Protein backbone atom coordinates (compact mmCIF):
# COMPACT_ATOMS: atom_id res chain seq x y z
CA MET A 1 -17.53 -7.26 -32.84
CA ASP A 2 -14.77 -5.03 -31.39
CA TRP A 3 -11.23 -5.67 -31.69
CA GLU A 4 -10.77 -7.04 -28.33
CA GLY A 5 -13.53 -9.56 -29.01
CA ARG A 6 -12.24 -10.89 -32.27
CA LEU A 7 -8.93 -11.10 -30.88
CA SER A 8 -9.95 -13.31 -27.84
CA SER A 9 -12.28 -15.42 -30.67
CA GLU A 10 -9.12 -15.97 -32.56
CA GLY A 11 -7.32 -17.05 -29.22
CA LEU A 12 -5.41 -14.17 -28.92
CA ARG A 13 -4.61 -12.38 -25.82
CA VAL A 14 -5.72 -8.74 -25.17
CA THR A 15 -2.87 -7.19 -23.79
CA ALA A 16 -2.01 -3.86 -21.89
CA PRO A 17 0.42 -2.79 -24.95
CA ARG A 18 -2.21 -3.70 -27.69
CA ARG A 19 -4.61 -1.71 -26.04
CA VAL A 20 -2.14 1.25 -25.89
CA VAL A 21 -1.56 1.25 -29.57
CA MET A 22 -4.85 1.07 -30.43
CA ASP A 23 -5.72 4.10 -27.93
CA VAL A 24 -3.07 6.22 -29.44
CA LEU A 25 -4.08 5.47 -32.97
CA SER A 26 -8.13 6.24 -32.01
CA GLY A 27 -6.82 9.71 -30.97
CA ALA A 28 -4.66 10.28 -34.27
CA ARG A 29 -5.85 12.86 -36.66
CA GLU A 30 -2.97 11.80 -39.13
CA PRO A 31 -0.87 8.58 -39.58
CA LEU A 32 1.29 8.06 -37.26
CA ALA A 33 4.70 6.27 -37.93
CA PRO A 34 5.64 3.37 -35.17
CA HIS A 35 8.10 5.31 -33.30
CA GLU A 36 5.60 8.02 -33.00
CA ILE A 37 2.83 5.58 -31.60
CA TRP A 38 5.72 4.18 -29.01
CA GLU A 39 6.40 7.72 -27.87
CA GLN A 40 3.11 8.44 -27.32
CA GLY A 41 2.19 5.01 -25.76
CA ARG A 42 5.05 5.24 -23.32
CA ARG A 43 3.39 8.26 -21.68
CA VAL A 44 0.72 5.72 -20.60
CA HIS A 45 2.64 2.25 -20.49
CA ARG A 46 6.10 2.96 -19.75
CA THR A 47 7.45 -0.26 -20.68
CA LEU A 48 6.09 -0.50 -24.14
CA GLY A 49 8.58 -1.57 -26.50
CA LEU A 50 9.27 -0.31 -29.95
CA VAL A 51 9.50 -4.13 -31.15
CA THR A 52 5.75 -4.76 -29.36
CA VAL A 53 4.46 -1.69 -31.26
CA TYR A 54 5.67 -3.28 -34.48
CA ARG A 55 4.49 -6.76 -33.85
CA THR A 56 1.02 -5.19 -32.69
CA LEU A 57 0.63 -3.00 -35.81
CA SER A 58 1.16 -6.12 -38.11
CA LEU A 59 -1.26 -8.37 -36.04
CA LEU A 60 -3.73 -5.48 -36.33
CA GLU A 61 -2.78 -4.83 -40.07
CA ARG A 62 -3.57 -8.76 -40.55
CA PHE A 63 -7.22 -8.20 -39.11
CA SER A 64 -7.65 -4.81 -41.14
CA TRP A 65 -8.11 -2.69 -38.02
CA VAL A 66 -5.08 -0.57 -39.10
CA ARG A 67 -4.05 0.50 -42.70
CA ARG A 68 -0.36 1.49 -43.48
CA VAL A 69 -0.07 4.29 -45.70
CA HIS A 70 2.59 6.37 -47.14
CA ARG A 71 3.20 9.71 -45.63
CA ALA A 72 4.52 13.05 -47.06
CA ASP A 73 7.76 12.77 -45.44
CA GLY A 74 8.61 9.28 -47.10
CA CYS A 75 7.56 7.26 -43.94
CA HIS A 76 4.97 4.55 -43.29
CA GLY A 77 2.08 5.69 -40.95
CA TYR A 78 -0.86 3.57 -39.55
CA LEU A 79 -4.36 4.82 -39.41
CA LEU A 80 -7.69 2.89 -38.09
CA CYS A 81 -9.78 1.27 -40.66
CA SER A 82 -13.34 1.80 -40.89
CA ALA A 83 -15.39 -1.22 -41.50
CA GLY A 84 -15.82 -2.51 -44.97
CA HIS A 85 -13.64 -1.64 -48.21
CA ALA A 86 -12.10 1.95 -47.82
CA HIS A 87 -8.96 3.89 -49.05
CA ALA A 88 -7.16 6.97 -47.57
CA ILE A 89 -6.64 10.44 -48.78
CA ILE A 90 -3.82 12.27 -47.03
CA CYS A 91 -3.40 16.09 -47.23
CA ARG A 92 0.29 16.68 -48.42
CA ASP A 93 0.68 19.75 -46.19
CA CYS A 94 -0.55 18.89 -42.61
CA GLY A 95 -0.76 15.26 -42.78
CA GLN A 96 -4.28 14.99 -41.92
CA ALA A 97 -5.98 11.79 -43.31
CA ALA A 98 -9.18 10.65 -44.11
CA GLU A 99 -11.06 7.60 -45.77
CA PHE A 100 -13.40 7.17 -48.35
CA PRO A 101 -15.37 4.28 -49.86
CA GLY A 102 -13.69 2.02 -51.97
CA THR A 103 -15.75 0.61 -55.13
CA ASP A 104 -14.86 -1.74 -57.61
CA ASP A 105 -14.52 0.91 -60.40
CA LEU A 106 -10.78 -0.25 -60.90
CA GLY A 107 -11.73 -3.41 -62.76
CA GLY A 108 -10.84 -1.81 -66.26
CA LEU A 109 -7.60 -0.92 -64.87
CA ILE A 110 -6.87 -4.18 -63.19
CA ALA A 111 -7.96 -6.22 -66.26
CA ASP A 112 -5.46 -3.82 -68.54
CA VAL A 113 -2.73 -4.70 -65.80
CA GLU A 114 -3.61 -8.33 -65.76
CA ALA A 115 -3.56 -8.38 -69.52
CA SER A 116 -0.01 -6.53 -69.81
CA THR A 117 1.92 -8.34 -67.42
CA GLY A 118 0.59 -11.49 -66.79
CA TYR A 119 -0.16 -11.05 -63.33
CA ARG A 120 -3.59 -12.05 -61.69
CA VAL A 121 -4.45 -9.31 -59.14
CA ASP A 122 -6.16 -10.36 -56.15
CA SER A 123 -5.93 -7.25 -53.97
CA HIS A 124 -5.01 -3.61 -54.36
CA LEU A 125 -4.18 -0.57 -51.99
CA LEU A 126 -5.48 2.63 -53.36
CA GLN A 127 -4.02 6.03 -51.52
CA LEU A 128 -4.62 9.49 -52.77
CA SER A 129 -2.99 12.66 -51.60
CA GLY A 130 -3.88 16.10 -51.99
CA GLN A 131 -4.66 19.44 -49.94
CA CYS A 132 -7.37 19.58 -47.31
CA ALA A 133 -10.00 22.10 -46.99
CA GLN A 134 -8.42 23.64 -43.99
CA CYS A 135 -4.85 23.94 -45.91
CA ARG A 136 -6.66 25.28 -48.98
CA ALA A 137 -8.05 27.99 -46.93
CA ARG A 138 -5.03 29.26 -45.42
CA ARG A 139 -3.41 29.04 -48.67
CA VAL A 140 -6.16 31.15 -50.19
CA ALA A 141 -6.23 33.74 -47.02
CA GLY A 142 -2.36 34.17 -47.36
CA GLU A 143 -1.49 32.77 -44.44
CA PRO A 144 1.81 30.96 -43.73
CA GLU A 145 2.04 27.33 -44.04
């Protein structure tokens, strides 16, 4: 089921601002901060409000259609999620993002954390950062960054 059908099945409206936020994120190659989504969205929907963007992102995150990630500049950004369990990897140079499949290989680490802290872990967020192939190639070629 697509995000619009799922919203409708949950009794929520599919509004123009929600469509705009999803359209902006659909075209993004890197995580976008809420104000960047707002700026791009206002080009299409002039009355789009920043508060509406934040509320929409919160709703979309609740349904796991978007993922909040940490960008190299210290701000939070948002990416569309793929279906299933996945994590993000972000290039520290250009900000481009990709997803990789999640696994349950964290079981040993989670068990150690639970034993040492007394917490019961019920979810996790894993994000990796590094340098994408294009940035590595530029660096090897000696091009300016």
